[in-house]
Amino acid sequence: MNAHPHQRAAELFTLCDQVIVVTCGPAGPQVSQATSRVWQERLLVLVQRTTDHLFNLEMQPEIVILTPGWELHGSAEVLLAEGPVWVEPWQAAILVQPARLHILEPGTFKRVETVDFEG
């Protein structure tokens, strides 16, 4: 597949609507499951407004998103209900700016390919 990295990533992101979100910051390491979707070829992760992920992301925008098929490293922008993305009032949307995408071998979680994005 020789698609533009963002298009290729968006295709992979559509294969899974549940992800594991990992952040680290003042609230310590945080890991939780969340719903995801693609918006403008980028990954959007929906979380509760009360999650410690948001507190961590205020100080350290680095984020890791995990699924059985891929691992995404990037930076996060938090969008609330008033933003350009519709979410429930109790939700916040985390828009992930990808830095590196590791594609994993099914069933083994071995990295078989890495896609780097321009900063």
N, C-alpha and C. Protein backbone atom coordinates (compact mmCIF):
# COMPACT_ATOMS: atom_id res chain seq x y z
N MET A 1 0.86 -1.17 0.00
CA MET A 1 0.00 0.00 0.00
C MET A 1 0.90 1.23 0.00
N ASN A 2 0.77 2.07 -1.02
CA ASN A 2 1.63 3.24 -1.14
C ASN A 2 0.88 4.54 -0.94
N ALA A 3 -0.20 4.51 -0.18
CA ALA A 3 -0.99 5.72 0.05
C ALA A 3 -0.22 6.70 0.92
N HIS A 4 -0.63 7.95 0.87
CA HIS A 4 -0.08 8.99 1.73
C HIS A 4 -0.17 8.49 3.17
N PRO A 5 0.82 8.77 4.03
CA PRO A 5 0.79 8.23 5.39
C PRO A 5 -0.49 8.52 6.16
N HIS A 6 -1.06 9.72 6.02
CA HIS A 6 -2.29 10.04 6.75
C HIS A 6 -3.47 9.22 6.22
N GLN A 7 -3.53 9.00 4.92
CA GLN A 7 -4.61 8.19 4.35
C GLN A 7 -4.47 6.74 4.79
N ARG A 8 -3.27 6.24 4.77
CA ARG A 8 -3.02 4.86 5.18
C ARG A 8 -3.38 4.68 6.65
N ALA A 9 -2.95 5.62 7.47
CA ALA A 9 -3.26 5.55 8.90
C ALA A 9 -4.77 5.61 9.10
N ALA A 10 -5.46 6.50 8.40
CA ALA A 10 -6.91 6.63 8.55
C ALA A 10 -7.61 5.31 8.20
N GLU A 11 -7.12 4.62 7.18
CA GLU A 11 -7.68 3.32 6.81
C GLU A 11 -7.51 2.32 7.95
N LEU A 12 -6.34 2.30 8.56
CA LEU A 12 -6.09 1.39 9.69
C LEU A 12 -6.95 1.78 10.89
N PHE A 13 -7.11 3.08 11.13
CA PHE A 13 -7.88 3.54 12.28
C PHE A 13 -9.34 3.11 12.18
N THR A 14 -9.88 3.01 10.97
CA THR A 14 -11.28 2.63 10.81
C THR A 14 -11.53 1.17 11.13
N LEU A 15 -10.49 0.36 11.22
CA LEU A 15 -10.65 -1.07 11.48
C LEU A 15 -10.97 -1.37 12.94
N CYS A 16 -10.83 -0.38 13.80
CA CYS A 16 -11.02 -0.62 15.23
C CYS A 16 -11.69 0.61 15.85
N ASP A 17 -12.80 0.39 16.58
CA ASP A 17 -13.46 1.53 17.21
C ASP A 17 -13.28 1.56 18.73
N GLN A 18 -12.50 0.63 19.25
CA GLN A 18 -12.14 0.62 20.67
C GLN A 18 -10.62 0.58 20.76
N VAL A 19 -10.04 1.49 21.54
CA VAL A 19 -8.59 1.59 21.65
C VAL A 19 -8.19 1.67 23.11
N ILE A 20 -6.92 1.46 23.37
CA ILE A 20 -6.33 1.67 24.68
C ILE A 20 -5.57 2.99 24.62
N VAL A 21 -5.86 3.88 25.55
CA VAL A 21 -5.24 5.20 25.62
C VAL A 21 -4.21 5.19 26.74
N VAL A 22 -3.01 5.69 26.45
CA VAL A 22 -1.93 5.74 27.45
C VAL A 22 -1.39 7.16 27.50
N THR A 23 -1.40 7.74 28.71
CA THR A 23 -0.79 9.05 28.93
C THR A 23 0.02 8.99 30.22
N CYS A 24 0.90 9.98 30.38
CA CYS A 24 1.68 10.08 31.61
C CYS A 24 1.87 11.57 31.89
N GLY A 25 1.77 11.92 33.16
CA GLY A 25 1.89 13.33 33.52
C GLY A 25 1.70 13.48 35.01
N PRO A 26 1.18 14.64 35.45
CA PRO A 26 1.01 14.90 36.88
C PRO A 26 0.13 13.88 37.59
N ALA A 27 -0.82 13.26 36.89
CA ALA A 27 -1.69 12.25 37.50
C ALA A 27 -1.06 10.87 37.46
N GLY A 28 0.18 10.78 36.99
CA GLY A 28 0.86 9.50 36.88
C GLY A 28 0.49 8.79 35.60
N PRO A 29 1.02 7.59 35.39
CA PRO A 29 0.67 6.84 34.19
C PRO A 29 -0.82 6.47 34.20
N GLN A 30 -1.50 6.68 33.09
CA GLN A 30 -2.92 6.37 32.96
C GLN A 30 -3.12 5.49 31.74
N VAL A 31 -3.89 4.43 31.90
CA VAL A 31 -4.21 3.51 30.81
C VAL A 31 -5.70 3.21 30.90
N SER A 32 -6.42 3.38 29.79
CA SER A 32 -7.84 3.05 29.80
C SER A 32 -8.34 2.77 28.39
N GLN A 33 -9.48 2.12 28.33
CA GLN A 33 -10.12 1.83 27.05
C GLN A 33 -11.03 3.00 26.68
N ALA A 34 -11.11 3.29 25.38
CA ALA A 34 -11.95 4.40 24.91
C ALA A 34 -12.48 4.08 23.52
N THR A 35 -13.48 4.82 23.13
CA THR A 35 -14.04 4.73 21.78
C THR A 35 -13.26 5.65 20.87
N SER A 36 -13.10 5.23 19.62
CA SER A 36 -12.37 6.07 18.67
C SER A 36 -13.11 6.12 17.34
N ARG A 37 -12.76 7.14 16.56
CA ARG A 37 -13.26 7.25 15.20
C ARG A 37 -12.29 8.13 14.42
N VAL A 38 -12.47 8.16 13.12
CA VAL A 38 -11.61 8.97 12.26
C VAL A 38 -12.33 10.27 11.95
N TRP A 39 -11.59 11.37 12.05
CA TRP A 39 -12.11 12.70 11.70
C TRP A 39 -11.02 13.43 10.94
N GLN A 40 -11.30 13.82 9.72
CA GLN A 40 -10.34 14.51 8.86
C GLN A 40 -9.02 13.75 8.78
N GLU A 41 -9.11 12.43 8.55
CA GLU A 41 -7.97 11.53 8.40
C GLU A 41 -7.10 11.45 9.66
N ARG A 42 -7.64 11.89 10.80
CA ARG A 42 -6.89 11.78 12.05
C ARG A 42 -7.73 11.01 13.05
N LEU A 43 -7.05 10.45 14.03
CA LEU A 43 -7.73 9.65 15.04
C LEU A 43 -8.32 10.56 16.11
N LEU A 44 -9.57 10.31 16.42
CA LEU A 44 -10.29 11.05 17.45
C LEU A 44 -10.68 10.03 18.52
N VAL A 45 -10.30 10.29 19.76
CA VAL A 45 -10.59 9.39 20.86
C VAL A 45 -11.55 10.09 21.82
N LEU A 46 -12.65 9.43 22.15
CA LEU A 46 -13.66 10.01 23.02
C LEU A 46 -13.48 9.49 24.44
N VAL A 47 -13.35 10.41 25.39
CA VAL A 47 -13.15 10.05 26.80
C VAL A 47 -14.10 10.87 27.67
N GLN A 48 -14.27 10.45 28.92
CA GLN A 48 -15.07 11.23 29.86
C GLN A 48 -14.30 12.48 30.26
N ARG A 49 -15.02 13.55 30.50
CA ARG A 49 -14.37 14.81 30.91
C ARG A 49 -13.68 14.69 32.26
N THR A 50 -14.02 13.68 33.05
CA THR A 50 -13.43 13.53 34.38
C THR A 50 -12.19 12.65 34.39
N THR A 51 -11.76 12.17 33.25
CA THR A 51 -10.61 11.26 33.22
C THR A 51 -9.31 12.00 33.53
N ASP A 52 -8.41 11.30 34.19
CA ASP A 52 -7.09 11.87 34.48
C ASP A 52 -6.22 12.02 33.23
N HIS A 53 -6.63 11.40 32.13
CA HIS A 53 -5.89 11.60 30.87
C HIS A 53 -5.86 13.08 30.51
N LEU A 54 -6.97 13.76 30.70
CA LEU A 54 -7.04 15.18 30.34
C LEU A 54 -6.11 16.02 31.20
N PHE A 55 -6.03 15.68 32.48
CA PHE A 55 -5.11 16.38 33.38
C PHE A 55 -3.67 16.16 32.93
N ASN A 56 -3.32 14.92 32.60
CA ASN A 56 -1.98 14.63 32.09
C ASN A 56 -1.67 15.39 30.81
N LEU A 57 -2.64 15.42 29.91
CA LEU A 57 -2.40 16.04 28.60
C LEU A 57 -2.24 17.56 28.68
N GLU A 58 -2.75 18.17 29.74
CA GLU A 58 -2.54 19.61 29.93
C GLU A 58 -1.06 19.94 30.06
N MET A 59 -0.32 19.06 30.72
CA MET A 59 1.11 19.30 30.97
C MET A 59 2.01 18.58 29.97
N GLN A 60 1.60 17.42 29.52
CA GLN A 60 2.40 16.62 28.59
C GLN A 60 1.47 16.09 27.50
N PRO A 61 1.51 16.66 26.31
CA PRO A 61 0.57 16.26 25.26
C PRO A 61 0.90 14.93 24.58
N GLU A 62 1.97 14.26 25.00
CA GLU A 62 2.32 12.99 24.36
C GLU A 62 1.28 11.93 24.72
N ILE A 63 0.94 11.11 23.73
CA ILE A 63 -0.07 10.08 23.90
C ILE A 63 0.32 8.84 23.10
N VAL A 64 -0.08 7.68 23.59
CA VAL A 64 0.09 6.43 22.86
C VAL A 64 -1.28 5.78 22.79
N ILE A 65 -1.63 5.30 21.61
CA ILE A 65 -2.89 4.61 21.38
C ILE A 65 -2.55 3.20 20.91
N LEU A 66 -3.16 2.20 21.55
CA LEU A 66 -2.87 0.81 21.24
C LEU A 66 -4.11 0.06 20.78
N THR A 67 -3.93 -0.82 19.80
CA THR A 67 -4.96 -1.76 19.36
C THR A 67 -4.24 -3.07 19.05
N PRO A 68 -4.96 -4.13 18.79
CA PRO A 68 -4.27 -5.38 18.39
C PRO A 68 -3.52 -5.27 17.07
N GLY A 69 -3.88 -4.30 16.22
CA GLY A 69 -3.26 -4.19 14.90
C GLY A 69 -2.25 -3.09 14.72
N TRP A 70 -2.23 -2.11 15.63
CA TRP A 70 -1.29 -1.00 15.48
C TRP A 70 -1.08 -0.29 16.80
N GLU A 71 0.01 0.48 16.82
CA GLU A 71 0.41 1.28 17.99
C GLU A 71 0.77 2.67 17.46
N LEU A 72 0.07 3.69 17.97
CA LEU A 72 0.26 5.05 17.48
C LEU A 72 0.86 5.92 18.57
N HIS A 73 1.95 6.61 18.24
CA HIS A 73 2.57 7.59 19.13
C HIS A 73 2.33 8.96 18.52
N GLY A 74 1.99 9.92 19.37
CA GLY A 74 1.75 11.26 18.85
C GLY A 74 1.51 12.26 19.95
N SER A 75 0.98 13.41 19.55
CA SER A 75 0.62 14.44 20.53
C SER A 75 -0.88 14.65 20.44
N ALA A 76 -1.45 15.15 21.54
CA ALA A 76 -2.90 15.24 21.64
C ALA A 76 -3.36 16.68 21.77
N GLU A 77 -4.52 16.93 21.16
CA GLU A 77 -5.22 18.19 21.33
C GLU A 77 -6.59 17.84 21.87
N VAL A 78 -6.97 18.42 22.99
CA VAL A 78 -8.25 18.11 23.62
C VAL A 78 -9.32 19.06 23.07
N LEU A 79 -10.41 18.48 22.57
CA LEU A 79 -11.54 19.24 22.04
C LEU A 79 -12.75 18.97 22.94
N LEU A 80 -13.39 20.00 23.44
CA LEU A 80 -14.57 19.84 24.28
C LEU A 80 -15.83 19.96 23.44
N ALA A 81 -16.99 19.82 24.06
CA ALA A 81 -18.27 19.80 23.34
C ALA A 81 -18.48 21.05 22.50
N GLU A 82 -17.89 22.16 22.89
CA GLU A 82 -18.08 23.41 22.14
C GLU A 82 -17.20 23.46 20.89
N GLY A 83 -16.34 22.51 20.71
CA GLY A 83 -15.37 22.53 19.61
C GLY A 83 -15.96 22.10 18.28
N PRO A 84 -15.10 21.86 17.29
CA PRO A 84 -15.55 21.53 15.94
C PRO A 84 -16.07 20.11 15.80
N VAL A 85 -15.94 19.30 16.83
CA VAL A 85 -16.37 17.91 16.78
C VAL A 85 -17.53 17.74 17.76
N TRP A 86 -18.60 17.13 17.29
CA TRP A 86 -19.74 16.94 18.18
C TRP A 86 -19.46 15.78 19.12
N VAL A 87 -19.59 16.04 20.41
CA VAL A 87 -19.48 15.01 21.44
C VAL A 87 -20.58 15.27 22.47
N GLU A 88 -20.84 14.28 23.28
CA GLU A 88 -21.81 14.45 24.37
C GLU A 88 -21.25 15.45 25.38
N PRO A 89 -22.12 16.14 26.13
CA PRO A 89 -21.62 17.12 27.11
C PRO A 89 -20.68 16.54 28.17
N TRP A 90 -20.77 15.25 28.44
CA TRP A 90 -19.92 14.62 29.45
C TRP A 90 -18.61 14.11 28.84
N GLN A 91 -18.43 14.31 27.55
CA GLN A 91 -17.25 13.80 26.86
C GLN A 91 -16.29 14.91 26.46
N ALA A 92 -15.07 14.50 26.23
CA ALA A 92 -14.07 15.32 25.56
C ALA A 92 -13.51 14.46 24.43
N ALA A 93 -13.10 15.09 23.39
CA ALA A 93 -12.49 14.38 22.27
C ALA A 93 -11.01 14.71 22.25
N ILE A 94 -10.21 13.68 22.10
CA ILE A 94 -8.76 13.86 21.99
C ILE A 94 -8.41 13.64 20.52
N LEU A 95 -7.93 14.68 19.89
CA LEU A 95 -7.51 14.60 18.50
C LEU A 95 -6.01 14.32 18.49
N VAL A 96 -5.63 13.21 17.89
CA VAL A 96 -4.23 12.77 17.93
C VAL A 96 -3.51 13.23 16.67
N GLN A 97 -2.42 13.96 16.87
CA GLN A 97 -1.52 14.33 15.78
C GLN A 97 -0.46 13.25 15.73
N PRO A 98 -0.49 12.38 14.72
CA PRO A 98 0.43 11.25 14.71
C PRO A 98 1.88 11.65 14.48
N ALA A 99 2.76 10.97 15.18
CA ALA A 99 4.20 11.13 14.97
C ALA A 99 4.77 9.83 14.38
N ARG A 100 4.34 8.70 14.92
CA ARG A 100 4.85 7.41 14.46
C ARG A 100 3.78 6.34 14.65
N LEU A 101 3.58 5.54 13.62
CA LEU A 101 2.62 4.46 13.63
C LEU A 101 3.36 3.15 13.42
N HIS A 102 3.21 2.24 14.37
CA HIS A 102 3.78 0.91 14.24
C HIS A 102 2.65 -0.05 13.86
N ILE A 103 2.81 -0.73 12.75
CA ILE A 103 1.84 -1.73 12.33
C ILE A 103 2.31 -3.07 12.90
N LEU A 104 1.38 -3.77 13.54
CA LEU A 104 1.71 -4.99 14.28
C LEU A 104 1.29 -6.24 13.52
N GLU A 105 2.06 -7.30 13.70
CA GLU A 105 1.72 -8.59 13.11
C GLU A 105 0.55 -9.18 13.89
N PRO A 106 -0.49 -9.61 13.18
CA PRO A 106 -1.66 -10.16 13.88
C PRO A 106 -1.29 -11.33 14.80
N GLY A 107 -1.79 -11.28 16.02
CA GLY A 107 -1.60 -12.37 16.96
C GLY A 107 -0.29 -12.37 17.71
N THR A 108 0.70 -11.60 17.26
CA THR A 108 2.00 -11.63 17.93
C THR A 108 2.39 -10.30 18.53
N PHE A 109 1.79 -9.21 18.07
CA PHE A 109 2.10 -7.85 18.50
C PHE A 109 3.52 -7.43 18.15
N LYS A 110 4.17 -8.16 17.24
CA LYS A 110 5.49 -7.75 16.76
C LYS A 110 5.32 -6.61 15.76
N ARG A 111 6.22 -5.64 15.83
CA ARG A 111 6.19 -4.53 14.88
C ARG A 111 6.72 -5.01 13.54
N VAL A 112 5.89 -4.90 12.51
CA VAL A 112 6.31 -5.34 11.18
C VAL A 112 6.57 -4.19 10.23
N GLU A 113 6.06 -3.01 10.58
CA GLU A 113 6.27 -1.84 9.74
C GLU A 113 6.10 -0.59 10.60
N THR A 114 6.86 0.44 10.27
CA THR A 114 6.75 1.72 10.97
C THR A 114 6.53 2.82 9.95
N VAL A 115 5.55 3.69 10.23
CA VAL A 115 5.27 4.83 9.38
C VAL A 115 5.57 6.08 10.20
N ASP A 116 6.51 6.89 9.73
CA ASP A 116 6.83 8.15 10.40
C ASP A 116 6.11 9.29 9.69
N PHE A 117 5.59 10.22 10.47
CA PHE A 117 4.87 11.37 9.94
C PHE A 117 5.76 12.59 10.07
N GLU A 118 5.62 13.50 9.12
CA GLU A 118 6.38 14.74 9.17
C GLU A 118 5.86 15.60 10.29
N GLY A 119 6.75 16.30 10.98
CA GLY A 119 6.36 17.15 12.11
C GLY A 119 5.86 18.41 11.65
